[in-house]
Amino acid sequence: MMKNRRLSRSISDASWSEFRRQIEYKLKWIGSKLVLANRFFPSSKMCSNCGILKEDLKLSDRVFECKICGLEIDRDLNASINLRSLAVSSTVIACGEIVRPKVALAT
């Protein structure tokens, strides 16, 4: 069914939406909250140390190397640290405002 161009999108969307629904249900049941990252959140391209975006990062680059702060880290580990920071920052409130990580562009 996934090879059928007309059906594949509907089938894959349905399964992911059911997965998300189940996760939300179970988290609500235990009193937790699901934090979703925007589809275009640059988790792989952002330095987890200084927050600079590396626009020229290719999918074949498996090590993230920041030219600003010198951080060298596995690309997937860097992305997971950035996603964890996003989740923490979306749940922490400071002086009545939600704290978000600052993102700067590398030149």
N, C-alpha and C. Protein backbone atom coordinates (compact mmCIF):
# COMPACT_ATOMS: atom_id res chain seq x y z
N MET A 1 0.82 -1.20 0.00
CA MET A 1 0.00 0.00 0.00
C MET A 1 0.86 1.26 0.00
N MET A 2 2.06 1.18 0.60
CA MET A 2 2.92 2.36 0.65
C MET A 2 3.53 2.68 -0.72
N LYS A 3 3.51 1.71 -1.65
CA LYS A 3 4.03 1.96 -2.99
C LYS A 3 3.04 2.69 -3.88
N ASN A 4 1.79 2.70 -3.50
CA ASN A 4 0.76 3.40 -4.25
C ASN A 4 0.88 4.90 -3.95
N ARG A 5 1.15 5.70 -4.95
CA ARG A 5 1.38 7.14 -4.75
C ARG A 5 0.19 7.85 -4.13
N ARG A 6 -0.99 7.42 -4.47
CA ARG A 6 -2.19 8.09 -3.97
C ARG A 6 -2.48 7.72 -2.51
N LEU A 7 -2.15 6.51 -2.13
CA LEU A 7 -2.46 6.05 -0.79
C LEU A 7 -1.34 6.26 0.21
N SER A 8 -0.11 6.30 -0.25
CA SER A 8 1.03 6.30 0.67
C SER A 8 1.02 7.48 1.64
N ARG A 9 0.69 8.65 1.16
CA ARG A 9 0.69 9.82 2.04
C ARG A 9 -0.38 9.68 3.11
N SER A 10 -1.56 9.26 2.73
CA SER A 10 -2.64 9.09 3.70
C SER A 10 -2.31 8.04 4.74
N ILE A 11 -1.71 6.96 4.29
CA ILE A 11 -1.37 5.88 5.21
C ILE A 11 -0.28 6.32 6.19
N SER A 12 0.75 6.94 5.69
CA SER A 12 1.83 7.36 6.58
C SER A 12 1.36 8.46 7.52
N ASP A 13 0.53 9.38 7.05
CA ASP A 13 0.00 10.43 7.92
C ASP A 13 -0.87 9.84 9.02
N ALA A 14 -1.67 8.87 8.67
CA ALA A 14 -2.57 8.27 9.65
C ALA A 14 -1.79 7.58 10.77
N SER A 15 -0.74 6.86 10.42
CA SER A 15 0.00 6.16 11.45
C SER A 15 0.75 7.12 12.37
N TRP A 16 1.34 8.18 11.82
CA TRP A 16 2.04 9.15 12.66
C TRP A 16 1.07 9.93 13.53
N SER A 17 -0.09 10.25 12.99
CA SER A 17 -1.06 10.99 13.81
C SER A 17 -1.57 10.10 14.94
N GLU A 18 -1.73 8.82 14.70
CA GLU A 18 -2.16 7.90 15.76
C GLU A 18 -1.06 7.74 16.81
N PHE A 19 0.18 7.67 16.36
CA PHE A 19 1.31 7.60 17.29
C PHE A 19 1.35 8.83 18.19
N ARG A 20 1.21 10.01 17.58
CA ARG A 20 1.21 11.25 18.35
C ARG A 20 0.03 11.30 19.31
N ARG A 21 -1.13 10.87 18.86
CA ARG A 21 -2.31 10.88 19.72
C ARG A 21 -2.10 9.99 20.94
N GLN A 22 -1.51 8.82 20.72
CA GLN A 22 -1.25 7.90 21.82
C GLN A 22 -0.23 8.48 22.81
N ILE A 23 0.81 9.09 22.29
CA ILE A 23 1.82 9.71 23.16
C ILE A 23 1.19 10.83 23.99
N GLU A 24 0.40 11.70 23.34
CA GLU A 24 -0.26 12.79 24.07
C GLU A 24 -1.19 12.25 25.15
N TYR A 25 -1.93 11.21 24.83
CA TYR A 25 -2.85 10.60 25.78
C TYR A 25 -2.09 10.06 26.99
N LYS A 26 -1.04 9.32 26.75
CA LYS A 26 -0.29 8.71 27.84
C LYS A 26 0.43 9.76 28.69
N LEU A 27 0.97 10.80 28.05
CA LEU A 27 1.62 11.86 28.81
C LEU A 27 0.62 12.64 29.66
N LYS A 28 -0.54 12.90 29.11
CA LYS A 28 -1.59 13.59 29.87
C LYS A 28 -2.02 12.74 31.06
N TRP A 29 -2.08 11.44 30.86
CA TRP A 29 -2.48 10.51 31.90
C TRP A 29 -1.52 10.55 33.10
N ILE A 30 -0.21 10.71 32.82
CA ILE A 30 0.77 10.75 33.91
C ILE A 30 1.12 12.18 34.33
N GLY A 31 0.47 13.17 33.72
CA GLY A 31 0.68 14.56 34.12
C GLY A 31 1.85 15.24 33.46
N SER A 32 2.28 14.79 32.31
CA SER A 32 3.39 15.42 31.58
C SER A 32 2.87 16.17 30.37
N LYS A 33 3.78 16.81 29.67
CA LYS A 33 3.42 17.61 28.51
C LYS A 33 4.31 17.24 27.34
N LEU A 34 3.72 17.16 26.15
CA LEU A 34 4.47 16.89 24.93
C LEU A 34 4.90 18.22 24.31
N VAL A 35 6.18 18.35 24.03
CA VAL A 35 6.71 19.55 23.38
C VAL A 35 7.11 19.16 21.97
N LEU A 36 6.53 19.83 20.98
CA LEU A 36 6.82 19.53 19.57
C LEU A 36 7.74 20.58 18.99
N ALA A 37 8.75 20.13 18.27
CA ALA A 37 9.63 21.06 17.56
C ALA A 37 9.02 21.35 16.20
N ASN A 38 9.13 22.58 15.76
CA ASN A 38 8.69 22.96 14.44
C ASN A 38 9.41 22.09 13.41
N ARG A 39 8.74 21.79 12.34
CA ARG A 39 9.32 20.94 11.29
C ARG A 39 10.65 21.51 10.77
N PHE A 40 10.78 22.82 10.75
CA PHE A 40 11.98 23.46 10.21
C PHE A 40 12.93 23.95 11.31
N PHE A 41 12.75 23.47 12.54
CA PHE A 41 13.66 23.84 13.62
C PHE A 41 15.05 23.31 13.27
N PRO A 42 16.08 24.18 13.28
CA PRO A 42 17.42 23.75 12.83
C PRO A 42 18.21 23.01 13.90
N SER A 43 17.71 21.87 14.34
CA SER A 43 18.37 21.16 15.43
C SER A 43 19.76 20.65 15.03
N SER A 44 19.94 20.25 13.79
CA SER A 44 21.24 19.76 13.35
C SER A 44 22.20 20.87 12.98
N LYS A 45 21.66 21.98 12.52
CA LYS A 45 22.50 23.07 12.02
C LYS A 45 22.88 24.09 13.08
N MET A 46 22.32 23.99 14.28
CA MET A 46 22.60 24.96 15.34
C MET A 46 23.64 24.39 16.30
N CYS A 47 24.61 25.22 16.64
CA CYS A 47 25.63 24.81 17.60
C CYS A 47 24.99 24.74 18.98
N SER A 48 25.13 23.61 19.65
CA SER A 48 24.53 23.44 20.97
C SER A 48 25.31 24.19 22.05
N ASN A 49 26.49 24.69 21.71
CA ASN A 49 27.30 25.43 22.66
C ASN A 49 27.07 26.94 22.58
N CYS A 50 27.12 27.51 21.37
CA CYS A 50 27.01 28.97 21.23
C CYS A 50 25.75 29.42 20.50
N GLY A 51 25.02 28.52 19.84
CA GLY A 51 23.75 28.87 19.20
C GLY A 51 23.86 29.40 17.78
N ILE A 52 25.05 29.41 17.22
CA ILE A 52 25.24 29.89 15.85
C ILE A 52 24.71 28.85 14.86
N LEU A 53 24.07 29.32 13.79
CA LEU A 53 23.58 28.42 12.75
C LEU A 53 24.66 28.21 11.69
N LYS A 54 24.85 26.96 11.32
CA LYS A 54 25.81 26.61 10.26
C LYS A 54 24.98 26.23 9.04
N GLU A 55 24.79 27.17 8.13
CA GLU A 55 23.91 26.99 6.98
C GLU A 55 24.45 25.99 5.96
N ASP A 56 25.78 25.81 5.90
CA ASP A 56 26.37 24.95 4.87
C ASP A 56 26.54 23.49 5.32
N LEU A 57 25.85 23.06 6.35
CA LEU A 57 25.96 21.69 6.82
C LEU A 57 25.24 20.74 5.86
N LYS A 58 25.98 19.74 5.39
CA LYS A 58 25.41 18.76 4.45
C LYS A 58 24.96 17.53 5.22
N LEU A 59 24.08 16.75 4.63
CA LEU A 59 23.61 15.53 5.25
C LEU A 59 24.74 14.52 5.42
N SER A 60 25.73 14.58 4.56
CA SER A 60 26.86 13.65 4.64
C SER A 60 27.84 14.02 5.76
N ASP A 61 27.77 15.24 6.29
CA ASP A 61 28.63 15.66 7.40
C ASP A 61 28.12 15.01 8.68
N ARG A 62 28.87 14.06 9.23
CA ARG A 62 28.44 13.35 10.43
C ARG A 62 28.96 13.98 11.71
N VAL A 63 29.91 14.90 11.59
CA VAL A 63 30.45 15.61 12.75
C VAL A 63 30.15 17.09 12.58
N PHE A 64 29.56 17.68 13.62
CA PHE A 64 29.28 19.12 13.60
C PHE A 64 30.52 19.84 14.13
N GLU A 65 31.05 20.76 13.33
CA GLU A 65 32.22 21.54 13.73
C GLU A 65 31.86 23.02 13.69
N CYS A 66 31.86 23.67 14.85
CA CYS A 66 31.53 25.09 14.93
C CYS A 66 32.80 25.92 14.73
N LYS A 67 32.76 26.83 13.76
CA LYS A 67 33.92 27.67 13.48
C LYS A 67 34.03 28.82 14.47
N ILE A 68 32.94 29.12 15.19
CA ILE A 68 32.94 30.23 16.13
C ILE A 68 33.54 29.82 17.48
N CYS A 69 32.98 28.75 18.08
CA CYS A 69 33.44 28.36 19.42
C CYS A 69 34.36 27.14 19.41
N GLY A 70 34.51 26.47 18.26
CA GLY A 70 35.42 25.33 18.14
C GLY A 70 34.84 23.99 18.60
N LEU A 71 33.55 23.93 18.87
CA LEU A 71 32.93 22.69 19.31
C LEU A 71 32.94 21.65 18.19
N GLU A 72 33.38 20.45 18.50
CA GLU A 72 33.31 19.32 17.57
C GLU A 72 32.53 18.22 18.26
N ILE A 73 31.38 17.84 17.66
CA ILE A 73 30.47 16.89 18.29
C ILE A 73 29.75 16.12 17.20
N ASP A 74 29.33 14.89 17.52
CA ASP A 74 28.55 14.10 16.58
C ASP A 74 27.28 14.87 16.20
N ARG A 75 26.93 14.86 14.93
CA ARG A 75 25.79 15.63 14.43
C ARG A 75 24.49 15.26 15.14
N ASP A 76 24.24 13.96 15.35
CA ASP A 76 23.01 13.53 16.00
C ASP A 76 22.98 13.90 17.47
N LEU A 77 24.10 13.82 18.14
CA LEU A 77 24.18 14.23 19.54
C LEU A 77 23.92 15.72 19.67
N ASN A 78 24.51 16.51 18.76
CA ASN A 78 24.28 17.95 18.74
C ASN A 78 22.80 18.26 18.57
N ALA A 79 22.13 17.56 17.64
CA ALA A 79 20.71 17.79 17.40
C ALA A 79 19.89 17.41 18.63
N SER A 80 20.25 16.31 19.29
CA SER A 80 19.48 15.90 20.47
C SER A 80 19.65 16.89 21.62
N ILE A 81 20.83 17.47 21.77
CA ILE A 81 21.04 18.50 22.80
C ILE A 81 20.19 19.72 22.50
N ASN A 82 20.15 20.12 21.22
CA ASN A 82 19.33 21.28 20.83
C ASN A 82 17.85 21.03 21.05
N LEU A 83 17.38 19.82 20.76
CA LEU A 83 15.97 19.49 20.98
C LEU A 83 15.65 19.44 22.47
N ARG A 84 16.56 18.93 23.26
CA ARG A 84 16.35 18.94 24.72
C ARG A 84 16.28 20.37 25.24
N SER A 85 17.15 21.24 24.74
CA SER A 85 17.12 22.65 25.15
C SER A 85 15.82 23.32 24.75
N LEU A 86 15.32 22.98 23.57
CA LEU A 86 14.03 23.52 23.13
C LEU A 86 12.91 23.08 24.05
N ALA A 87 12.91 21.81 24.43
CA ALA A 87 11.87 21.29 25.32
C ALA A 87 11.94 21.95 26.69
N VAL A 88 13.14 22.11 27.22
CA VAL A 88 13.30 22.74 28.54
C VAL A 88 12.89 24.20 28.47
N SER A 89 13.30 24.89 27.42
CA SER A 89 13.00 26.32 27.33
C SER A 89 11.52 26.59 27.10
N SER A 90 10.80 25.64 26.53
CA SER A 90 9.38 25.86 26.30
C SER A 90 8.55 25.56 27.54
N THR A 91 9.16 24.94 28.55
CA THR A 91 8.42 24.65 29.77
C THR A 91 8.85 25.52 30.94
N VAL A 92 9.97 26.21 30.82
CA VAL A 92 10.46 27.07 31.89
C VAL A 92 9.95 28.48 31.68
N ILE A 93 9.40 29.06 32.73
CA ILE A 93 8.91 30.43 32.64
C ILE A 93 9.76 31.30 33.56
N ALA A 94 10.29 32.40 33.02
CA ALA A 94 11.11 33.31 33.80
C ALA A 94 10.46 34.69 33.79
N CYS A 95 10.13 35.19 34.93
CA CYS A 95 9.51 36.51 35.07
C CYS A 95 8.24 36.62 34.22
N GLY A 96 7.48 35.57 34.13
CA GLY A 96 6.22 35.61 33.40
C GLY A 96 6.32 35.38 31.92
N GLU A 97 7.52 35.22 31.39
CA GLU A 97 7.69 35.00 29.95
C GLU A 97 8.39 33.68 29.70
N ILE A 98 8.02 33.02 28.60
CA ILE A 98 8.67 31.77 28.23
C ILE A 98 10.06 32.08 27.69
N VAL A 99 11.05 31.35 28.15
CA VAL A 99 12.44 31.57 27.73
C VAL A 99 12.72 30.69 26.53
N ARG A 100 13.18 31.27 25.43
CA ARG A 100 13.53 30.54 24.21
C ARG A 100 15.02 30.72 23.93
N PRO A 101 15.65 29.72 23.35
CA PRO A 101 17.07 29.88 23.02
C PRO A 101 17.25 30.91 21.90
N LYS A 102 18.31 31.69 22.03
CA LYS A 102 18.61 32.69 20.99
C LYS A 102 19.33 32.01 19.84
N VAL A 103 18.96 32.38 18.61
CA VAL A 103 19.56 31.79 17.43
C VAL A 103 20.23 32.91 16.64
N ALA A 104 21.49 32.72 16.32
CA ALA A 104 22.23 33.71 15.52
C ALA A 104 22.74 33.03 14.26
N LEU A 105 22.93 33.79 13.22
CA LEU A 105 23.41 33.24 11.94
C LEU A 105 24.92 33.39 11.86
N ALA A 106 25.58 32.34 11.44
CA ALA A 106 27.03 32.39 11.23
C ALA A 106 27.32 33.08 9.91
N THR A 107 28.35 33.89 9.90
CA THR A 107 28.71 34.59 8.67
C THR A 107 29.95 34.02 8.06
